[in-house]
Protein backbone atom coordinates (compact mmCIF):
# COMPACT_ATOMS: atom_id res chain seq x y z
CA UNK A 1 0.11 0.21 0.00
CA UNK A 2 1.67 3.20 -1.04
CA UNK A 3 1.92 6.08 1.66
CA UNK A 4 -0.30 9.09 1.22
CA UNK A 5 1.25 12.10 0.13
CA UNK A 6 0.82 14.94 2.82
CA UNK A 7 0.56 17.66 -0.12
CA UNK A 8 -2.84 15.44 -1.23
CA UNK A 9 -4.15 14.86 2.29
CA UNK A 10 -3.72 18.71 3.20
CA UNK A 11 -5.59 19.23 -0.50
CA UNK A 12 -8.54 17.15 0.84
CA UNK A 13 -8.81 17.89 4.33
CA UNK A 14 -8.85 21.93 2.96
CA UNK A 15 -11.72 21.24 0.45
CA UNK A 16 -13.58 19.49 2.88
CA UNK A 17 -13.45 22.30 5.21
CA UNK A 18 -14.09 24.61 2.27
CA UNK A 19 -17.31 22.12 1.13
CA UNK A 20 -18.91 22.46 4.75
CA UNK A 21 -18.36 26.14 4.91
CA UNK A 22 -20.34 26.41 1.39
CA UNK A 23 -22.95 24.21 3.07
CA UNK A 24 -23.39 26.12 6.39
CA UNK A 25 -23.57 29.37 4.53
CA UNK A 26 -26.27 27.38 2.38
CA UNK A 27 -24.11 29.10 -0.92
CA UNK A 28 -22.56 26.78 -3.53
CA UNK A 29 -19.13 26.44 -6.25
CA UNK A 30 -20.17 24.75 -8.81
CA UNK A 31 -17.13 25.50 -10.65
CA UNK A 32 -14.98 24.41 -8.33
CA UNK A 33 -17.15 21.20 -7.11
CA UNK A 34 -16.96 20.09 -10.68
CA UNK A 35 -12.96 20.73 -10.79
CA UNK A 36 -12.44 18.92 -7.55
CA UNK A 37 -14.65 15.77 -8.57
CA UNK A 38 -12.40 15.78 -11.89
CA UNK A 39 -9.07 16.00 -10.19
CA UNK A 40 -9.69 13.95 -6.81
CA UNK A 41 -9.10 10.63 -8.89
CA UNK A 42 -6.03 11.82 -10.26
CA UNK A 43 -5.13 12.81 -6.81
CA UNK A 44 -6.23 9.69 -4.81
CA UNK A 45 -4.45 7.16 -7.69
CA UNK A 46 -7.36 5.77 -8.57
């Protein structure tokens, strides 16, 4: 099993925090969300 890269983990945690912020403020950022879901497979090596 490969070791998780610290920058990838930080990116994931920051995105999770951002999505939580949006949800609490009843907001959305569809452009970022699209990029996030497009990028995550590459970052997670899947």
